[in-house]
Protein backbone atom coordinates (compact mmCIF):
# COMPACT_ATOMS: atom_id res chain seq x y z
CA UNK A 1 18.47 29.53 2.71
CA UNK A 2 15.57 27.11 2.09
CA UNK A 3 15.57 24.31 4.65
CA UNK A 4 13.44 21.20 4.35
CA UNK A 5 12.75 19.09 7.41
CA UNK A 6 14.04 16.05 5.51
CA UNK A 7 17.64 17.00 4.76
CA UNK A 8 18.44 13.64 3.15
CA UNK A 9 15.47 14.03 0.80
CA UNK A 10 16.66 17.50 -0.14
CA UNK A 11 20.23 16.30 -0.80
CA UNK A 12 19.01 13.37 -2.90
CA UNK A 13 16.86 15.66 -5.04
CA UNK A 14 19.79 18.06 -5.51
CA UNK A 15 22.15 15.21 -6.46
CA UNK A 16 19.67 13.69 -8.92
CA UNK A 17 19.32 17.05 -10.67
CA UNK A 18 23.10 17.58 -10.66
CA UNK A 19 23.73 14.10 -12.06
CA UNK A 20 21.44 14.79 -15.02
CA UNK A 21 23.22 18.10 -15.62
CA UNK A 22 26.55 16.24 -15.50
CA UNK A 23 25.42 13.94 -18.34
CA UNK A 24 24.02 10.88 -16.57
CA UNK A 25 20.80 9.46 -17.98
CA UNK A 26 17.76 10.51 -15.88
CA UNK A 27 16.81 7.65 -13.55
CA UNK A 28 20.18 5.90 -13.91
CA UNK A 29 21.56 7.36 -10.71
CA UNK A 30 20.34 6.56 -7.17
CA UNK A 31 22.08 9.06 -4.84
CA UNK A 32 22.17 6.73 -1.82
CA UNK A 33 22.46 9.49 0.79
CA UNK A 34 22.83 8.32 4.38
CA UNK A 35 24.00 9.69 7.70
CA UNK A 36 27.77 9.33 7.75
CA UNK A 37 30.54 8.77 10.22
CA UNK A 38 30.99 12.22 11.88
CA UNK A 39 34.67 12.16 10.89
CA UNK A 40 33.60 12.48 7.25
CA UNK A 41 30.73 14.93 7.67
CA UNK A 42 27.02 14.73 8.37
CA UNK A 43 25.81 12.91 5.25
CA UNK A 44 27.42 10.82 2.54
CA UNK A 45 26.23 9.78 -0.93
CA UNK A 46 27.69 6.59 -2.44
CA UNK A 47 25.44 6.26 -5.49
CA UNK A 48 28.14 7.49 -7.88
CA UNK A 49 30.00 4.16 -7.57
CA UNK A 50 27.14 2.15 -9.09
CA UNK A 51 26.30 4.80 -11.67
CA UNK A 52 29.91 5.00 -12.84
CA UNK A 53 30.12 1.23 -13.20
CA UNK A 54 26.94 1.15 -15.29
CA UNK A 55 28.17 4.07 -17.44
CA UNK A 56 31.67 2.60 -17.82
CA UNK A 57 33.30 5.71 -16.36
CA UNK A 58 35.84 6.21 -13.52
CA UNK A 59 33.83 7.12 -10.40
CA UNK A 60 35.87 9.91 -8.83
CA UNK A 61 35.91 12.25 -11.88
CA UNK A 62 32.20 11.57 -12.30
CA UNK A 63 31.59 12.45 -8.65
CA UNK A 64 33.52 15.69 -9.10
CA UNK A 65 31.50 16.51 -12.21
CA UNK A 66 28.23 15.94 -10.31
CA UNK A 67 29.41 18.06 -7.36
CA UNK A 68 30.24 20.90 -9.76
CA UNK A 69 26.56 20.95 -10.86
CA UNK A 70 25.04 21.09 -7.37
CA UNK A 71 22.91 24.21 -6.91
CA UNK A 72 23.74 27.26 -4.85
CA UNK A 73 21.16 26.54 -2.15
CA UNK A 74 22.81 23.29 -1.09
CA UNK A 75 26.28 24.86 -1.37
CA UNK A 76 25.15 27.65 0.94
CA UNK A 77 24.06 25.08 3.56
CA UNK A 78 26.82 22.44 3.28
CA UNK A 79 30.52 22.07 2.74
CA UNK A 80 30.81 19.46 -0.02
CA UNK A 81 33.79 17.23 -0.80
CA UNK A 82 34.66 14.09 -2.75
CA UNK A 83 36.53 11.33 -0.92
CA UNK A 84 38.07 8.00 -1.86
CA UNK A 85 36.86 6.45 -5.10
CA UNK A 86 33.86 8.79 -5.36
CA UNK A 87 32.00 9.23 -2.08
CA UNK A 88 30.35 12.65 -1.81
CA UNK A 89 30.42 14.09 1.72
CA UNK A 90 28.21 16.87 3.07
CA UNK A 91 29.07 18.75 6.27
CA UNK A 92 26.39 21.10 7.58
CA UNK A 93 27.57 24.66 8.05
CA UNK A 94 26.89 26.23 11.48
CA UNK A 95 24.60 28.80 9.88
CA UNK A 96 22.50 26.05 8.35
CA UNK A 97 22.26 24.25 11.70
CA UNK A 98 21.00 27.46 13.30
CA UNK A 99 18.40 28.07 10.60
CA UNK A 100 17.09 24.48 10.79
CA UNK A 101 16.64 24.74 14.55
CA UNK A 102 14.90 28.11 14.18
CA UNK A 103 12.51 26.59 11.65
CA UNK A 104 11.51 23.70 13.93
CA UNK A 105 10.45 25.14 17.28
CA UNK A 106 7.51 22.83 18.09
CA UNK A 107 6.24 19.28 17.73
CA UNK A 108 3.66 20.58 15.24
CA UNK A 109 6.42 22.03 13.05
CA UNK A 110 8.38 18.78 13.23
CA UNK A 111 5.28 16.80 12.28
CA UNK A 112 4.45 19.17 9.43
CA UNK A 113 7.91 18.57 8.02
CA UNK A 114 7.74 14.80 8.49
CA UNK A 115 4.20 14.33 7.17
CA UNK A 116 5.14 14.31 3.48
CA UNK A 117 6.61 10.80 3.73
CA UNK A 118 3.30 8.89 3.88
CA UNK A 119 0.72 11.50 2.96
CA UNK A 120 -2.45 10.10 1.30
CA UNK A 121 -1.66 6.56 2.47
CA UNK A 122 -3.81 4.39 4.74
CA UNK A 123 -2.02 1.85 6.90
CA UNK A 124 -3.91 -0.74 8.92
CA UNK A 125 -1.81 -1.94 11.84
CA UNK A 126 -2.91 -5.26 13.35
CA UNK A 127 -1.33 -5.66 16.77
CA UNK A 128 -1.76 -6.95 20.34
CA UNK A 129 -4.65 -9.33 19.44
CA UNK A 130 -4.97 -11.32 22.69
CA UNK A 131 -7.42 -14.17 23.10
CA UNK A 132 -10.61 -13.47 25.03
CA UNK A 133 -11.10 -15.25 28.38
CA UNK A 134 -7.37 -15.23 29.02
CA UNK A 135 -5.22 -12.79 30.96
CA UNK A 136 -2.61 -10.86 29.04
CA UNK A 137 0.87 -12.14 29.84
CA UNK A 138 4.43 -11.17 29.01
CA UNK A 139 4.10 -12.87 25.61
CA UNK A 140 1.63 -10.13 24.61
CA UNK A 141 4.06 -7.33 25.47
CA UNK A 142 6.09 -7.09 22.28
CA UNK A 143 3.19 -6.98 19.84
CA UNK A 144 1.48 -4.27 21.89
CA UNK A 145 4.43 -1.92 22.35
CA UNK A 146 5.99 -2.44 18.90
CA UNK A 147 2.61 -2.06 17.20
CA UNK A 148 1.86 1.16 19.08
CA UNK A 149 5.28 2.67 18.33
CA UNK A 150 5.02 1.79 14.63
CA UNK A 151 1.51 3.27 14.50
CA UNK A 152 2.70 6.52 16.05
CA UNK A 153 5.68 6.76 13.71
CA UNK A 154 3.46 6.23 10.67
CA UNK A 155 0.88 8.77 11.83
CA UNK A 156 3.62 11.34 12.53
CA UNK A 157 5.00 10.86 9.03
CA UNK A 158 1.64 11.56 7.41
CA UNK A 159 -0.23 8.27 7.13
CA UNK A 160 -3.82 7.70 8.07
CA UNK A 161 -3.39 4.87 10.57
CA UNK A 162 -6.13 2.41 11.53
CA UNK A 163 -5.15 0.55 14.70
CA UNK A 164 -7.02 -2.76 14.74
CA UNK A 165 -7.04 -5.16 17.70
CA UNK A 166 -7.93 -8.46 16.01
CA UNK A 167 -8.82 -10.32 19.21
CA UNK A 168 -9.43 -14.07 19.38
CA UNK A 169 -13.12 -14.13 20.31
CA UNK A 170 -14.47 -17.06 18.30
CA UNK A 171 -13.70 -20.70 17.58
CA UNK A 172 -13.59 -24.14 19.13
CA UNK A 173 -12.36 -22.96 22.55
CA UNK A 174 -15.76 -21.38 23.19
CA UNK A 175 -17.53 -24.74 23.16
CA UNK A 176 -15.33 -25.96 26.01
CA UNK A 177 -15.59 -22.65 27.86
CA UNK A 178 -19.39 -22.47 27.64
CA UNK A 179 -19.63 -26.13 28.73
CA UNK A 180 -17.57 -25.29 31.83
CA UNK A 181 -19.44 -22.03 32.54
CA UNK A 182 -22.79 -23.79 32.63
CA UNK A 183 -21.52 -26.30 35.18
CA UNK A 184 -18.80 -24.65 37.27
CA UNK A 185 -19.07 -20.85 37.09
CA UNK A 186 -18.45 -19.10 40.43
CA UNK A 187 -20.39 -15.82 40.44
CA UNK A 188 -18.45 -14.49 43.43
CA UNK A 189 -15.18 -15.12 41.57
CA UNK A 190 -16.56 -13.33 38.51
CA UNK A 191 -17.29 -10.28 40.64
CA UNK A 192 -13.75 -10.33 42.09
CA UNK A 193 -11.81 -10.96 38.87
CA UNK A 194 -13.90 -12.02 35.87
CA UNK A 195 -11.03 -12.69 33.49
CA UNK A 196 -9.26 -14.93 36.02
CA UNK A 197 -12.47 -16.91 36.55
CA UNK A 198 -13.11 -17.36 32.81
CA UNK A 199 -9.50 -18.44 32.32
CA UNK A 200 -9.94 -21.01 35.11
CA UNK A 201 -13.12 -22.29 33.47
CA UNK A 202 -11.47 -22.58 30.07
CA UNK A 203 -8.64 -24.67 31.53
CA UNK A 204 -11.16 -26.81 33.36
CA UNK A 205 -13.29 -27.34 30.23
CA UNK A 206 -10.26 -28.06 28.06
CA UNK A 207 -8.90 -30.66 30.49
CA UNK A 208 -12.30 -32.30 30.84
CA UNK A 209 -12.84 -32.45 27.06
CA UNK A 210 -9.42 -33.93 26.41
CA UNK A 211 -10.00 -36.64 29.01
CA UNK A 212 -13.58 -37.60 28.17
CA UNK A 213 -14.99 -38.04 24.64
CA UNK A 214 -18.51 -37.43 25.99
CA UNK A 215 -17.48 -34.01 27.32
CA UNK A 216 -15.81 -33.22 23.99
CA UNK A 217 -19.04 -34.03 22.18
CA UNK A 218 -21.05 -31.86 24.59
CA UNK A 219 -18.57 -28.99 24.08
CA UNK A 220 -18.94 -29.30 20.29
CA UNK A 221 -22.70 -29.16 20.74
CA UNK A 222 -22.37 -25.94 22.76
CA UNK A 223 -20.24 -24.43 19.98
CA UNK A 224 -22.78 -25.38 17.31
CA UNK A 225 -25.52 -23.74 19.38
CA UNK A 226 -23.40 -20.58 19.69
CA UNK A 227 -22.75 -20.49 15.96
CA UNK A 228 -26.48 -20.91 15.34
CA UNK A 229 -27.29 -17.92 17.54
CA UNK A 230 -28.68 -19.72 20.60
CA UNK A 231 -29.73 -16.89 23.01
CA UNK A 232 -28.28 -18.46 26.17
CA UNK A 233 -24.92 -19.25 24.62
CA UNK A 234 -24.75 -15.91 22.83
CA UNK A 235 -25.41 -14.07 26.10
CA UNK A 236 -22.66 -16.07 27.82
CA UNK A 237 -20.28 -15.41 24.92
CA UNK A 238 -21.03 -11.69 25.11
CA UNK A 239 -20.46 -11.66 28.87
CA UNK A 240 -17.08 -13.34 28.46
CA UNK A 241 -15.98 -10.92 25.75
CA UNK A 242 -17.18 -7.82 27.59
CA UNK A 243 -15.20 -8.84 30.68
CA UNK A 244 -12.16 -9.66 28.54
CA UNK A 245 -12.15 -6.31 26.75
CA UNK A 246 -12.48 -4.47 30.07
CA UNK A 247 -9.50 -6.39 31.48
CA UNK A 248 -7.44 -5.73 28.35
CA UNK A 249 -8.25 -2.02 28.54
CA UNK A 250 -6.75 -1.76 32.02
CA UNK A 251 -3.42 -2.88 30.55
CA UNK A 252 -3.80 -0.67 27.46
CA UNK A 253 -4.49 2.36 29.66
CA UNK A 254 -1.21 1.80 31.49
CA UNK A 255 0.64 1.45 28.18
CA UNK A 256 -1.20 4.48 26.72
CA UNK A 257 -2.59 2.43 23.84
CA UNK A 258 -5.85 3.26 22.07
CA UNK A 259 -7.32 1.21 19.24
CA UNK A 260 -9.49 2.58 16.45
CA UNK A 261 -11.12 -0.80 15.88
CA UNK A 262 -11.52 -4.01 17.84
CA UNK A 263 -12.73 -6.36 15.14
CA UNK A 264 -12.16 -9.87 16.42
CA UNK A 265 -12.55 -13.17 14.62
CA UNK A 266 -16.29 -13.17 15.38
CA UNK A 267 -16.74 -10.06 13.21
CA UNK A 268 -15.77 -12.10 10.15
CA UNK A 269 -18.04 -15.05 10.90
CA UNK A 270 -20.55 -13.97 8.24
CA UNK A 271 -17.86 -12.97 5.75
CA UNK A 272 -16.00 -16.24 5.23
CA UNK A 273 -18.52 -17.74 2.79
CA UNK A 274 -17.38 -15.19 0.21
CA UNK A 275 -13.82 -16.48 0.63
CA UNK A 276 -14.89 -20.10 0.08
CA UNK A 277 -16.92 -19.21 -3.00
CA UNK A 278 -14.35 -17.00 -4.72
CA UNK A 279 -11.42 -19.35 -4.13
CA UNK A 280 -13.43 -22.20 -5.61
CA UNK A 281 -14.80 -20.19 -8.55
CA UNK A 282 -11.36 -18.90 -9.53
CA UNK A 283 -9.90 -22.41 -9.39
CA UNK A 284 -7.44 -21.51 -6.65
CA UNK A 285 -8.80 -24.00 -4.15
CA UNK A 286 -9.46 -27.71 -4.39
CA UNK A 287 -10.81 -30.48 -2.21
CA UNK A 288 -8.41 -32.65 -0.25
CA UNK A 289 -9.55 -35.26 2.27
CA UNK A 290 -12.85 -33.40 2.64
CA UNK A 291 -11.25 -30.00 3.25
CA UNK A 292 -11.06 -26.96 0.97
CA UNK A 293 -7.38 -26.16 0.45
CA UNK A 294 -5.03 -24.00 -1.63
CA UNK A 295 -1.79 -25.49 -2.96
CA UNK A 296 1.12 -23.44 -4.28
CA UNK A 297 2.95 -25.83 -6.64
CA UNK A 298 5.76 -23.33 -7.33
CA UNK A 299 6.69 -23.06 -3.65
CA UNK A 300 9.22 -25.53 -2.18
CA UNK A 301 7.15 -26.17 0.97
CA UNK A 302 3.61 -25.10 0.12
CA UNK A 303 3.37 -27.37 -2.93
CA UNK A 304 2.85 -30.25 -0.50
CA UNK A 305 1.75 -28.26 2.57
CA UNK A 306 -1.56 -26.71 1.54
CA UNK A 307 -3.33 -23.79 3.15
CA UNK A 308 -6.55 -25.16 4.65
CA UNK A 309 -9.31 -22.58 4.26
CA UNK A 310 -12.23 -24.81 5.26
CA UNK A 311 -11.82 -27.83 7.47
CA UNK A 312 -13.36 -31.18 6.65
CA UNK A 313 -16.11 -30.55 9.23
CA UNK A 314 -17.03 -27.32 7.42
CA UNK A 315 -15.53 -25.00 10.03
CA UNK A 316 -13.42 -21.93 9.32
CA UNK A 317 -9.96 -21.38 10.80
CA UNK A 318 -7.33 -18.64 11.12
CA UNK A 319 -6.53 -18.81 7.41
CA UNK A 320 -10.17 -18.24 6.47
CA UNK A 321 -10.74 -15.29 8.77
CA UNK A 322 -7.37 -13.78 7.85
CA UNK A 323 -8.29 -13.84 4.15
CA UNK A 324 -11.70 -12.32 4.93
CA UNK A 325 -9.93 -9.68 7.03
CA UNK A 326 -7.62 -8.68 4.15
CA UNK A 327 -10.63 -8.26 1.87
CA UNK A 328 -12.54 -6.21 4.46
CA UNK A 329 -9.58 -3.95 5.19
CA UNK A 330 -9.06 -3.40 1.47
CA UNK A 331 -12.68 -2.58 0.72
CA UNK A 332 -13.73 -0.81 3.92
CA UNK A 333 -10.57 1.06 4.95
CA UNK A 334 -9.06 1.26 1.44
CA UNK A 335 -5.76 0.19 2.95
CA UNK A 336 -2.51 1.02 1.15
CA UNK A 337 -0.63 -1.32 3.47
CA UNK A 338 -1.56 -3.83 6.18
CA UNK A 339 0.94 -4.60 8.93
CA UNK A 340 0.74 -7.70 11.12
CA UNK A 341 2.77 -7.22 14.30
CA UNK A 342 3.07 -10.88 15.24
CA UNK A 343 5.67 -13.28 16.68
CA UNK A 344 8.22 -14.42 14.08
CA UNK A 345 7.21 -18.04 14.75
CA UNK A 346 4.10 -17.29 12.68
CA UNK A 347 6.26 -16.57 9.63
CA UNK A 348 5.11 -19.58 7.61
CA UNK A 349 1.46 -18.74 8.18
CA UNK A 350 1.87 -15.18 6.92
CA UNK A 351 4.01 -16.19 3.95
CA UNK A 352 1.31 -18.64 2.88
CA UNK A 353 -1.46 -16.13 3.63
CA UNK A 354 0.15 -13.35 1.57
CA UNK A 355 0.85 -15.72 -1.32
CA UNK A 356 -2.76 -16.92 -1.35
CA UNK A 357 -4.17 -13.40 -1.05
CA UNK A 358 -1.97 -12.21 -3.92
CA UNK A 359 -3.27 -14.90 -6.28
CA UNK A 360 -6.87 -14.42 -5.10
CA UNK A 361 -6.82 -10.66 -5.66
CA UNK A 362 -5.14 -11.06 -9.06
CA UNK A 363 -7.77 -13.59 -10.17
CA UNK A 364 -10.62 -11.31 -9.07
CA UNK A 365 -9.14 -8.09 -10.51
CA UNK A 366 -8.53 -6.40 -7.18
CA UNK A 367 -5.47 -4.41 -6.16
CA UNK A 368 -3.76 -6.03 -3.20
CA UNK A 369 -2.45 -3.68 -0.50
CA UNK A 370 1.14 -4.14 0.56
CA UNK A 371 1.14 -6.87 3.22
CA UNK A 372 3.93 -6.95 5.81
CA UNK A 373 4.62 -9.32 8.67
CA UNK A 374 6.32 -7.13 11.30
CA UNK A 375 7.89 -10.02 13.15
CA UNK A 376 9.64 -10.07 16.49
CA UNK A 377 11.59 -12.38 18.76
CA UNK A 378 10.93 -13.70 22.26
CA UNK A 379 11.37 -12.13 25.69
CA UNK A 380 13.89 -14.33 27.53
CA UNK A 381 14.62 -14.76 31.21
CA UNK A 382 18.16 -14.59 32.53
CA UNK A 383 18.40 -18.36 31.97
CA UNK A 384 18.09 -17.73 28.23
CA UNK A 385 14.64 -19.37 28.05
CA UNK A 386 11.25 -17.70 27.45
CA UNK A 387 10.43 -15.57 30.49
CA UNK A 388 8.24 -17.48 32.98
CA UNK A 389 7.41 -17.53 36.67
CA UNK A 390 9.32 -19.89 38.93
CA UNK A 391 6.48 -22.39 38.61
CA UNK A 392 6.77 -22.29 34.83
CA UNK A 393 3.61 -20.24 34.20
CA UNK A 394 3.44 -17.23 31.90
CA UNK A 395 4.02 -13.98 33.80
CA UNK A 396 0.89 -11.83 33.80
CA UNK A 397 1.48 -8.50 32.13
CA UNK A 398 -0.29 -6.69 34.99
CA UNK A 399 2.10 -8.25 37.52
CA UNK A 400 5.09 -7.30 35.38
CA UNK A 401 3.98 -3.66 35.19
CA UNK A 402 3.22 -3.60 38.92
CA UNK A 403 6.70 -4.83 39.77
CA UNK A 404 8.25 -2.30 37.36
CA UNK A 405 6.38 0.52 39.12
CA UNK A 406 7.54 -0.70 42.54
CA UNK A 407 11.17 -0.92 41.43
CA UNK A 408 10.94 2.54 39.86
CA UNK A 409 9.46 3.88 43.10
CA UNK A 410 12.59 2.81 44.97
CA UNK A 411 14.75 4.59 42.37
CA UNK A 412 12.67 7.78 42.48
CA UNK A 413 12.59 7.78 46.30
CA UNK A 414 16.35 7.42 46.42
CA UNK A 415 16.89 10.18 43.87
CA UNK A 416 14.21 12.61 45.09
CA UNK A 417 13.22 11.74 48.68
CA UNK A 418 11.79 15.23 49.26
CA UNK A 419 9.07 14.78 46.61
CA UNK A 420 5.57 14.15 48.04
CA UNK A 421 4.56 10.48 48.22
CA UNK A 422 1.77 10.86 45.65
CA UNK A 423 4.11 12.52 43.15
CA UNK A 424 6.74 9.82 43.64
CA UNK A 425 4.08 7.18 42.93
CA UNK A 426 2.96 8.98 39.76
CA UNK A 427 6.55 9.34 38.56
CA UNK A 428 7.23 5.68 39.40
CA UNK A 429 4.29 4.52 37.26
CA UNK A 430 5.57 6.56 34.29
CA UNK A 431 9.17 5.45 34.76
CA UNK A 432 8.31 1.81 35.51
CA UNK A 433 5.91 1.31 32.61
CA UNK A 434 8.16 3.31 30.30
CA UNK A 435 11.13 1.17 31.31
CA UNK A 436 9.30 -2.02 30.29
CA UNK A 437 8.24 -0.47 26.98
CA UNK A 438 11.65 1.03 26.21
CA UNK A 439 13.61 -2.11 27.14
CA UNK A 440 11.59 -3.91 24.50
CA UNK A 441 11.66 -1.19 21.84
CA UNK A 442 15.39 -0.51 22.18
CA UNK A 443 16.14 -4.04 20.94
CA UNK A 444 16.12 -4.99 17.28
CA UNK A 445 12.60 -6.39 17.08
CA UNK A 446 13.72 -9.37 14.99
CA UNK A 447 15.90 -10.63 17.84
CA UNK A 448 15.15 -12.33 21.14
CA UNK A 449 16.18 -10.23 24.11
CA UNK A 450 17.14 -10.86 27.71
CA UNK A 451 14.84 -9.33 30.32
CA UNK A 452 16.88 -7.83 33.17
CA UNK A 453 15.37 -5.67 35.90
CA UNK A 454 18.76 -4.27 36.93
CA UNK A 455 19.55 -3.03 33.43
CA UNK A 456 15.99 -1.94 32.68
CA UNK A 457 15.33 0.40 35.59
CA UNK A 458 18.61 2.22 35.82
CA UNK A 459 19.86 5.76 35.34
CA UNK A 460 22.88 4.36 33.53
CA UNK A 461 22.85 3.18 29.93
CA UNK A 462 20.25 3.17 27.19
CA UNK A 463 17.13 3.08 29.40
CA UNK A 464 13.86 4.95 29.75
CA UNK A 465 14.90 6.17 33.20
CA UNK A 466 18.08 7.72 31.77
CA UNK A 467 16.17 9.52 29.00
CA UNK A 468 13.34 10.67 31.27
CA UNK A 469 15.89 11.99 33.74
CA UNK A 470 17.72 13.82 30.93
CA UNK A 471 14.44 15.38 29.86
CA UNK A 472 13.58 16.44 33.43
CA UNK A 473 17.09 17.84 33.86
CA UNK A 474 16.63 20.14 30.85
CA UNK A 475 13.24 21.28 32.13
CA UNK A 476 14.88 22.20 35.43
CA UNK A 477 17.25 24.61 33.63
CA UNK A 478 14.30 26.67 32.43
CA UNK A 479 12.36 26.30 35.69
CA UNK A 480 15.27 27.45 37.88
CA UNK A 481 15.70 30.62 35.86
CA UNK A 482 12.01 31.41 35.39
CA UNK A 483 12.16 30.87 31.62
CA UNK A 484 9.64 29.34 29.24
CA UNK A 485 11.10 26.52 27.16
CA UNK A 486 11.10 27.46 23.47
CA UNK A 487 10.12 31.07 24.11
CA UNK A 488 11.25 33.00 20.99
CA UNK A 489 12.20 35.96 23.17
CA UNK A 490 14.72 33.83 25.08
CA UNK A 491 16.30 32.75 21.78
CA UNK A 492 16.24 36.14 20.08
CA UNK A 493 19.63 37.28 18.84
CA UNK A 494 21.17 33.77 18.78
CA UNK A 495 24.13 33.59 16.40
CA UNK A 496 25.82 30.61 14.77
CA UNK A 497 27.09 27.79 16.97
CA UNK A 498 30.77 28.05 17.75
CA UNK A 499 32.07 25.73 20.46
CA UNK A 500 32.68 22.04 19.69
CA UNK A 501 29.91 21.09 22.14
CA UNK A 502 27.40 23.46 20.54
CA UNK A 503 28.17 22.33 16.99
CA UNK A 504 28.13 18.61 17.84
CA UNK A 505 24.75 18.89 19.59
CA UNK A 506 23.23 20.92 16.75
CA UNK A 507 24.50 18.40 14.20
CA UNK A 508 22.86 15.59 16.17
CA UNK A 509 19.56 17.46 16.42
CA UNK A 510 19.17 17.99 12.67
CA UNK A 511 19.58 14.23 12.11
CA UNK A 512 16.23 13.57 13.80
CA UNK A 513 14.60 13.62 10.37
CA UNK A 514 16.90 10.88 9.08
CA UNK A 515 16.19 8.77 12.15
CA UNK A 516 12.45 9.09 11.56
CA UNK A 517 12.93 8.03 7.96
CA UNK A 518 15.03 5.00 8.92
CA UNK A 519 12.74 3.91 11.78
CA UNK A 520 9.62 4.19 9.63
CA UNK A 521 11.04 2.65 6.45
CA UNK A 522 12.31 -0.39 8.36
CA UNK A 523 9.44 -0.43 10.89
CA UNK A 524 12.16 -0.77 13.55
CA UNK A 525 11.72 1.57 16.55
CA UNK A 526 15.12 0.63 17.99
CA UNK A 527 16.77 3.08 15.59
CA UNK A 528 14.84 5.92 17.24
CA UNK A 529 15.77 4.61 20.70
CA UNK A 530 19.47 4.61 19.81
CA UNK A 531 19.24 8.12 18.40
CA UNK A 532 17.54 9.47 21.54
CA UNK A 533 20.17 7.84 23.73
CA UNK A 534 22.98 9.34 21.66
CA UNK A 535 21.23 12.73 21.66
CA UNK A 536 20.96 12.68 25.47
CA UNK A 537 24.66 11.80 25.66
CA UNK A 538 25.56 14.62 23.26
CA UNK A 539 23.54 17.04 25.36
CA UNK A 540 25.32 15.92 28.52
CA UNK A 541 28.71 16.56 26.87
CA UNK A 542 27.58 20.02 25.75
CA UNK A 543 26.08 20.90 29.14
CA UNK A 544 29.21 19.86 31.02
CA UNK A 545 31.45 21.91 28.71
CA UNK A 546 29.35 25.01 28.02
CA UNK A 547 27.54 26.97 30.71
CA UNK A 548 24.05 27.86 29.49
CA UNK A 549 23.09 30.88 31.59
CA UNK A 550 25.88 33.36 30.90
CA UNK A 551 26.05 37.15 30.84
CA UNK A 552 26.53 37.42 27.08
CA UNK A 553 22.93 37.55 25.72
CA UNK A 554 23.90 36.18 22.29
CA UNK A 555 25.68 33.13 23.72
CA UNK A 556 22.87 32.57 26.24
CA UNK A 557 20.25 32.73 23.47
CA UNK A 558 21.90 30.13 21.26
CA UNK A 559 22.54 27.77 24.21
CA UNK A 560 18.95 28.09 25.42
CA UNK A 561 17.87 27.25 21.88
CA UNK A 562 19.96 24.09 21.98
CA UNK A 563 18.45 23.15 25.34
CA UNK A 564 14.92 23.80 24.08
CA UNK A 565 15.34 21.80 20.86
CA UNK A 566 16.95 18.90 22.68
CA UNK A 567 14.01 18.82 25.07
CA UNK A 568 11.56 19.06 22.15
CA UNK A 569 13.11 16.19 20.21
CA UNK A 570 13.63 13.99 23.26
CA UNK A 571 10.00 14.46 24.26
CA UNK A 572 8.70 14.03 20.72
CA UNK A 573 10.77 10.88 20.25
CA UNK A 574 9.68 9.31 23.53
CA UNK A 575 6.04 10.00 22.73
CA UNK A 576 6.46 8.44 19.30
CA UNK A 577 7.72 5.34 21.11
CA UNK A 578 4.56 5.34 23.24
CA UNK A 579 6.13 6.57 26.49
CA UNK A 580 4.66 9.21 28.74
CA UNK A 581 6.99 12.02 29.80
CA UNK A 582 7.20 14.05 33.02
CA UNK A 583 8.04 17.51 34.34
CA UNK A 584 10.53 16.51 37.01
CA UNK A 585 12.08 13.35 38.38
C-alpha cells in the first residue's frame, strides 16, 4: 500500500485520473477534496457537482462512474461511497491508518512528506519591522508572532524562506531625534536603558519641533546633514540603531525569532533614484504640485488619490522605499512571493503599492513576484478598545511577557510545587511566552481579538498551557515505564487499530497533512492551533478509555505508537507555531 504524506493530494490525483477514464474531458474536473464531517468519513470530494453541470449530466451517476474507475491502491486504503447528489466520501481503513503512522515516525519524515508543496520557491516574509529608537509594544506582537509562524510553515512545506525585518531606521524623525540628542542626551540614562532614553529624546524633540518653527528648521538641518553623510550625525544615527537592534533582539530571543536579514529603510536610501527614473521614463508617473506621483485612472479611489513616490521637497517616503524593496527582493533574492505581515489598517497602502509595482514591472519587462498583504486585526483590552495601560500608553512588549511569565509561574507552582525553583521559573517562561504567542495565533488573524489573562494562561480550553501540559503528560507515560518515545522496538508487532478511541485518534493524526496544507495555503496559523487542540482532546478521550500499558504486547505496541505519534505531531505543530516545548510541567 503506497502512502503519501499528503492524503488529499493523493486522492485528488486518483480522482482526476478516474474522471478522465470515466469520459470527462481532461482538466474539466476539479476534485475538490476536503476533510469531511467524521459522520461521513475522513475526506469528501464535491467536484462532481460542478463537472456534471458543465457536462450537462446528472451528478450522481457520473460520481458512481468516476468511483468505478478509481485505482486499486486507493481502494485498498479507503472505503469509498457516493452520497446525496454526488458527493464522494472516503473513509480510511484501519490498516491504512496503521501504515501511515508507521511511515511517519519523526519530524524529519513529516517534513520530507510536506516539503513537496513549495519546493523550488523562494518566499520573502517581511514582518515585525519596528521603528528604531522606540520600545516594542503590544502593537508589535501580532506581526512578529504571525510572521514567524507563517515563515516556519512555509519552510516546513519546502520553501526557501527569507525572513526580513524591514525596520524603520531612516526619515524625518531622525532630524528631531538628533536635534534632541545633541542638547539633552543623558549618558547615565543611556547606560541604564538606551532605548528608553532615545525614545524620551524623540518625544522631546518632536514636541519641541511642533511648538517652535525655529526648532523644526534646525531639525530639518540635522536631517539634511545626516543624509549628506555628516560624520557626527552618522555616528549618532549608528549609535541609536545599534542600541535599538540590541533591545529588539532581547524580545526576539524570548519569542524564539531569528531574522535572515535586517534591511531597514536606510538600506534603500541609495536605491530610490532608480525608482524615480524608471517610473518617469515609462510614463507611469507625473508631476503634481511639485511632487512625483502615480495615478491609477481605472481605480475608483486611486484615480484621484495618487501614490506619492517623491515629495515636493525631493524626499522619499514609504511608497518609494517599498517599491525599491520589491525590486531588490526580486533581483537579489529571486523571490517567488513576498509577504507583508502588517496591520490591516495599511490595506490601502499595499493595494496601491501592488498596483503600481505591477504596472512598473510590466512596463520594464520584469516578472513580478506574487505580492500578498498578510493582514491582521487589533489586540483589544477587555473594554473592547486597543489594549493600553491604565494611563493610556502602549503596553511595552517586555512588560507583557514579564507578566505572562509571572502568571505562568503561579500556575506551575500550584500544579507542581515539588519542582525545584529554577525549573519552575524555566517552565514558567516557556508557558508564559507561549501563552501570549498562542492566544494571538489561535485567533483568525483577520479579526480583532480580546486579550484576557484568565483565558490565556489556563489549563482549560484552547490554550498553550493546555497543549504543553498534554505534551508533558504523554512524555510522562514513556518516562514512568522506562521507554523511549518512538522506539521501533516498543511499537514492533502493532496490529490494526480496533477500539473506537484508537481509530478516532489515528484518524485525527493522519489529517495533520491536510491541516498543514490549509494553514499554509491561507497563511492562517489558527487552523493549525484548532487542529492541535482537537488532537489533544482526541488523545485525552483515547487515554481515558484505553489503558496503554497492558499485558498483551500487540495491544501495548499499537497504543504506544498512538502515544508517540500524538506527541510527535503536537510537538511539531507547536514548534511550527513558534512555541518552545518542554519535558515536564
